[in-house]
Amino acid sequence: MHPLQWAAIIITIGLNALDGFDVLSSAFAGPGIKAEWHLQPDGLGAVLSMELIGMGFGSLLLGGAADKWGRRPTILFCLILMAIGMFGATSSTSPQGLSLWRVLTGLGIGGMLSATNAVVYELSNKTRRSLATALMVIGYPLGAFVGGLIAAHLIQSYHDWRPIFVFGGTMTVIFVPLVWFFVPETPAWLDQARRPNAALIFATAFGRRA
């Protein structure tokens, strides 16, 4: 595959790692959230489950958007949702408010997972497709593991749960220009959308050897 194809795949690995961190950010922040608002276990569990609910709806709603509007625009839109949700969580003054922000974050994550899977499959060639998919999948647990270490350091340094969401939101914003410049629309979607010269667009972006 062309180096720029691999660059796009590497970015999707990072996106999957970002999803892994964002999904577990509430769990990382859980002890601090529980202590600040004096939550019982069932109250904390309700907050933690909100993101999963958002992910379910995001997979259904935004997964379809990726087929209709394109993989790249959907990923960018999901990143915006995730960033708003992560930064919004830092302004929460109640479990109910935090729950709403986590639902919004979950919507972005659910849509992101659907779109990145499609990008990896459609940007890789048949020879490297299995490898590219396996590498992308590794990103999720890697993000959760490394994110846990970072979250522990942030809590120890700031003695507050909000910096976890600030970090997640900041990383999400960083990925916006990376996707904008290095992840093009896939040729499969361009062809499906009957965009003229879909093959030429792909060859121009990645070279004839792609």
Protein backbone atom coordinates (compact mmCIF):
# COMPACT_ATOMS: atom_id res chain seq x y z
CA MET A 1 0.00 0.00 0.00
CA HIS A 2 1.02 3.61 -0.50
CA PRO A 3 2.59 5.35 2.56
CA LEU A 4 -0.31 7.80 2.68
CA GLN A 5 -2.72 4.89 2.96
CA TRP A 6 -0.76 3.66 5.96
CA ALA A 7 -0.79 7.18 7.41
CA ALA A 8 -4.59 7.17 7.22
CA ILE A 9 -4.72 3.72 8.84
CA ILE A 10 -2.44 4.88 11.67
CA ILE A 11 -4.75 7.81 12.31
CA THR A 12 -7.72 5.43 12.58
CA ILE A 13 -5.72 3.44 15.15
CA GLY A 14 -5.35 6.67 17.10
CA LEU A 15 -9.07 7.38 16.73
CA ASN A 16 -9.87 3.94 18.09
CA ALA A 17 -7.49 4.54 21.00
CA LEU A 18 -9.24 7.84 21.62
CA ASP A 19 -12.56 6.00 21.73
CA GLY A 20 -11.10 3.55 24.24
CA PHE A 21 -10.04 6.39 26.52
CA ASP A 22 -13.24 8.37 26.16
CA VAL A 23 -15.43 5.35 26.89
CA LEU A 24 -13.61 4.65 30.14
CA SER A 25 -13.03 8.27 31.17
CA SER A 26 -16.12 8.22 33.40
CA ALA A 27 -14.86 5.06 35.08
CA PHE A 28 -11.42 6.64 35.60
CA ALA A 29 -13.11 9.71 37.09
CA GLY A 30 -15.70 7.63 38.97
CA PRO A 31 -14.17 7.75 42.48
CA GLY A 32 -13.80 11.54 42.30
CA ILE A 33 -17.32 11.98 40.93
CA LYS A 34 -18.74 9.76 43.65
CA ALA A 35 -16.90 11.62 46.38
CA GLU A 36 -17.81 15.13 45.14
CA TRP A 37 -21.53 14.47 44.80
CA HIS A 38 -21.83 11.81 47.53
CA LEU A 39 -23.30 9.29 45.12
CA GLN A 40 -24.42 5.81 46.05
CA PRO A 41 -23.18 2.94 43.84
CA ASP A 42 -26.42 2.92 41.87
CA GLY A 43 -26.16 6.67 41.26
CA LEU A 44 -22.60 6.36 39.95
CA GLY A 45 -23.63 3.39 37.84
CA ALA A 46 -26.35 5.45 36.20
CA VAL A 47 -23.80 8.12 35.23
CA LEU A 48 -21.41 5.51 33.87
CA SER A 49 -24.11 3.89 31.76
CA MET A 50 -25.13 7.10 30.00
CA GLU A 51 -22.23 6.96 27.57
CA LEU A 52 -23.10 3.39 26.60
CA ILE A 53 -26.65 4.51 25.82
CA GLY A 54 -25.26 7.30 23.66
CA MET A 55 -22.97 4.87 21.87
CA GLY A 56 -25.89 2.64 20.98
CA PHE A 57 -27.83 5.50 19.44
CA GLY A 58 -24.68 6.86 17.80
CA SER A 59 -23.99 3.56 16.07
CA LEU A 60 -27.52 3.48 14.69
CA LEU A 61 -27.91 7.13 13.72
CA LEU A 62 -24.43 8.22 12.74
CA GLY A 63 -23.42 4.85 11.33
CA GLY A 64 -26.10 5.40 8.71
CA ALA A 65 -24.87 8.96 8.19
CA ALA A 66 -21.48 7.57 7.16
CA ASP A 67 -23.18 5.72 4.31
CA LYS A 68 -25.21 8.74 3.28
CA TRP A 69 -22.81 11.66 3.72
CA GLY A 70 -19.43 9.98 3.63
CA ARG A 71 -16.94 8.44 6.06
CA ARG A 72 -14.71 11.51 6.41
CA PRO A 73 -17.45 14.07 7.19
CA THR A 74 -18.99 11.66 9.68
CA ILE A 75 -15.69 11.18 11.51
CA LEU A 76 -15.15 14.93 11.69
CA PHE A 77 -18.69 15.48 12.97
CA CYS A 78 -18.25 12.75 15.59
CA LEU A 79 -15.00 14.32 16.75
CA ILE A 80 -16.81 17.62 17.24
CA LEU A 81 -19.55 15.90 19.26
CA MET A 82 -16.97 14.11 21.38
CA ALA A 83 -14.97 17.27 22.03
CA ILE A 84 -18.09 19.21 23.06
CA GLY A 85 -19.14 16.35 25.32
CA MET A 86 -15.74 15.98 26.96
CA PHE A 87 -15.22 19.68 27.61
CA GLY A 88 -18.85 20.08 28.62
CA ALA A 89 -18.41 17.40 31.27
CA THR A 90 -15.91 19.64 33.06
CA SER A 91 -18.63 22.25 33.61
CA SER A 92 -21.04 19.79 35.22
CA THR A 93 -22.40 20.69 38.62
CA SER A 94 -24.65 17.65 39.08
CA PRO A 95 -24.85 13.98 38.09
CA GLN A 96 -27.76 14.80 35.78
CA GLY A 97 -25.76 17.42 33.91
CA LEU A 98 -22.77 15.12 33.60
CA SER A 99 -25.03 12.35 32.31
CA LEU A 100 -26.26 14.55 29.46
CA TRP A 101 -22.71 15.37 28.40
CA ARG A 102 -21.77 11.69 28.52
CA VAL A 103 -24.70 10.82 26.26
CA LEU A 104 -23.46 13.38 23.75
CA THR A 105 -19.94 11.97 23.94
CA GLY A 106 -21.34 8.48 23.47
CA LEU A 107 -23.18 9.55 20.32
CA GLY A 108 -19.88 10.65 18.82
CA ILE A 109 -18.06 7.50 19.88
CA GLY A 110 -20.75 5.20 18.48
CA GLY A 111 -20.70 6.94 15.12
CA MET A 112 -16.90 7.04 15.11
CA LEU A 113 -16.57 3.30 15.59
CA SER A 114 -18.82 2.60 12.62
CA ALA A 115 -17.07 5.09 10.35
CA THR A 116 -13.49 4.12 11.20
CA ASN A 117 -14.20 0.45 10.54
CA ALA A 118 -15.42 1.38 7.08
CA VAL A 119 -12.43 3.64 6.43
CA VAL A 120 -9.89 0.95 7.29
CA TYR A 121 -11.64 -1.66 5.16
CA GLU A 122 -12.08 0.62 2.17
CA LEU A 123 -8.71 2.39 2.20
CA SER A 124 -6.62 -0.78 2.51
CA ASN A 125 -5.98 -3.19 -0.33
CA LYS A 126 -6.84 -6.89 -0.24
CA THR A 127 -3.30 -7.92 0.67
CA ARG A 128 -3.02 -5.72 3.75
CA ARG A 129 -6.67 -5.44 4.75
CA SER A 130 -6.55 -8.06 7.50
CA LEU A 131 -3.40 -6.55 8.99
CA ALA A 132 -4.82 -3.03 8.84
CA THR A 133 -8.05 -4.12 10.52
CA ALA A 134 -6.18 -5.98 13.27
CA LEU A 135 -4.00 -2.94 13.97
CA MET A 136 -7.04 -0.68 14.14
CA VAL A 137 -8.75 -2.99 16.64
CA ILE A 138 -5.66 -2.96 18.87
CA GLY A 139 -6.07 0.80 19.25
CA TYR A 140 -9.12 0.48 21.50
CA PRO A 141 -7.57 -1.53 24.38
CA LEU A 142 -4.32 0.39 23.93
CA GLY A 143 -6.17 3.67 24.46
CA ALA A 144 -7.91 2.26 27.51
CA PHE A 145 -4.65 1.01 29.02
CA VAL A 146 -2.52 4.08 28.34
CA GLY A 147 -5.48 6.31 29.19
CA GLY A 148 -5.77 4.65 32.57
CA LEU A 149 -2.15 5.45 33.34
CA ILE A 150 -2.60 9.06 32.24
CA ALA A 151 -5.83 9.40 34.22
CA ALA A 152 -4.13 8.10 37.36
CA HIS A 153 -1.35 10.67 36.92
CA LEU A 154 -3.85 13.50 36.36
CA ILE A 155 -5.85 12.60 39.46
CA GLN A 156 -2.70 12.41 41.54
CA SER A 157 -1.45 15.75 40.21
CA TYR A 158 -4.68 17.77 40.34
CA HIS A 159 -6.75 15.89 42.96
CA ASP A 160 -9.80 16.40 40.75
CA TRP A 161 -11.65 14.32 38.15
CA ARG A 162 -12.21 17.12 35.63
CA PRO A 163 -8.68 17.16 34.14
CA ILE A 164 -9.40 13.68 32.79
CA PHE A 165 -12.10 15.11 30.57
CA VAL A 166 -9.96 18.13 29.68
CA PHE A 167 -7.26 15.77 28.46
CA GLY A 168 -9.76 13.70 26.48
CA GLY A 169 -11.28 16.79 24.91
CA THR A 170 -7.87 18.18 24.00
CA MET A 171 -6.80 14.95 22.31
CA THR A 172 -10.08 14.88 20.43
CA VAL A 173 -9.50 18.39 19.08
CA ILE A 174 -5.97 17.43 17.99
CA PHE A 175 -7.38 14.67 15.79
CA VAL A 176 -9.62 17.06 13.84
CA PRO A 177 -6.83 18.51 11.65
CA LEU A 178 -5.19 15.08 11.35
CA VAL A 179 -8.37 13.63 9.88
CA TRP A 180 -8.98 16.74 7.77
CA PHE A 181 -5.57 16.60 6.08
CA PHE A 182 -4.65 12.90 6.08
CA VAL A 183 -7.86 10.85 5.90
CA PRO A 184 -9.56 11.28 2.52
CA GLU A 185 -12.96 10.02 1.53
CA THR A 186 -12.80 6.36 0.55
CA PRO A 187 -13.01 5.35 -3.12
CA ALA A 188 -15.75 2.84 -2.30
CA TRP A 189 -18.00 5.58 -0.94
CA LEU A 190 -17.18 7.93 -3.80
CA ASP A 191 -18.12 5.21 -6.26
CA GLN A 192 -21.29 4.36 -4.32
CA ALA A 193 -22.25 8.04 -4.29
CA ARG A 194 -21.62 8.12 -8.04
CA ARG A 195 -19.03 10.82 -7.74
CA PRO A 196 -17.30 11.31 -11.08
CA ASN A 197 -13.68 10.19 -11.38
CA ALA A 198 -13.72 8.33 -8.05
CA ALA A 199 -10.83 6.10 -9.12
CA LEU A 200 -8.85 9.11 -10.36
CA ILE A 201 -9.39 10.94 -7.06
CA PHE A 202 -8.03 7.95 -5.13
CA ALA A 203 -5.06 7.49 -7.47
CA THR A 204 -4.21 11.17 -7.22
CA ALA A 205 -4.31 11.10 -3.43
CA PHE A 206 -2.33 7.90 -2.94
CA GLY A 207 -0.45 7.27 -6.14
CA ARG A 208 -0.87 4.67 -8.85
CA ARG A 209 0.74 1.95 -6.71
CA ALA A 210 -2.10 2.04 -4.13
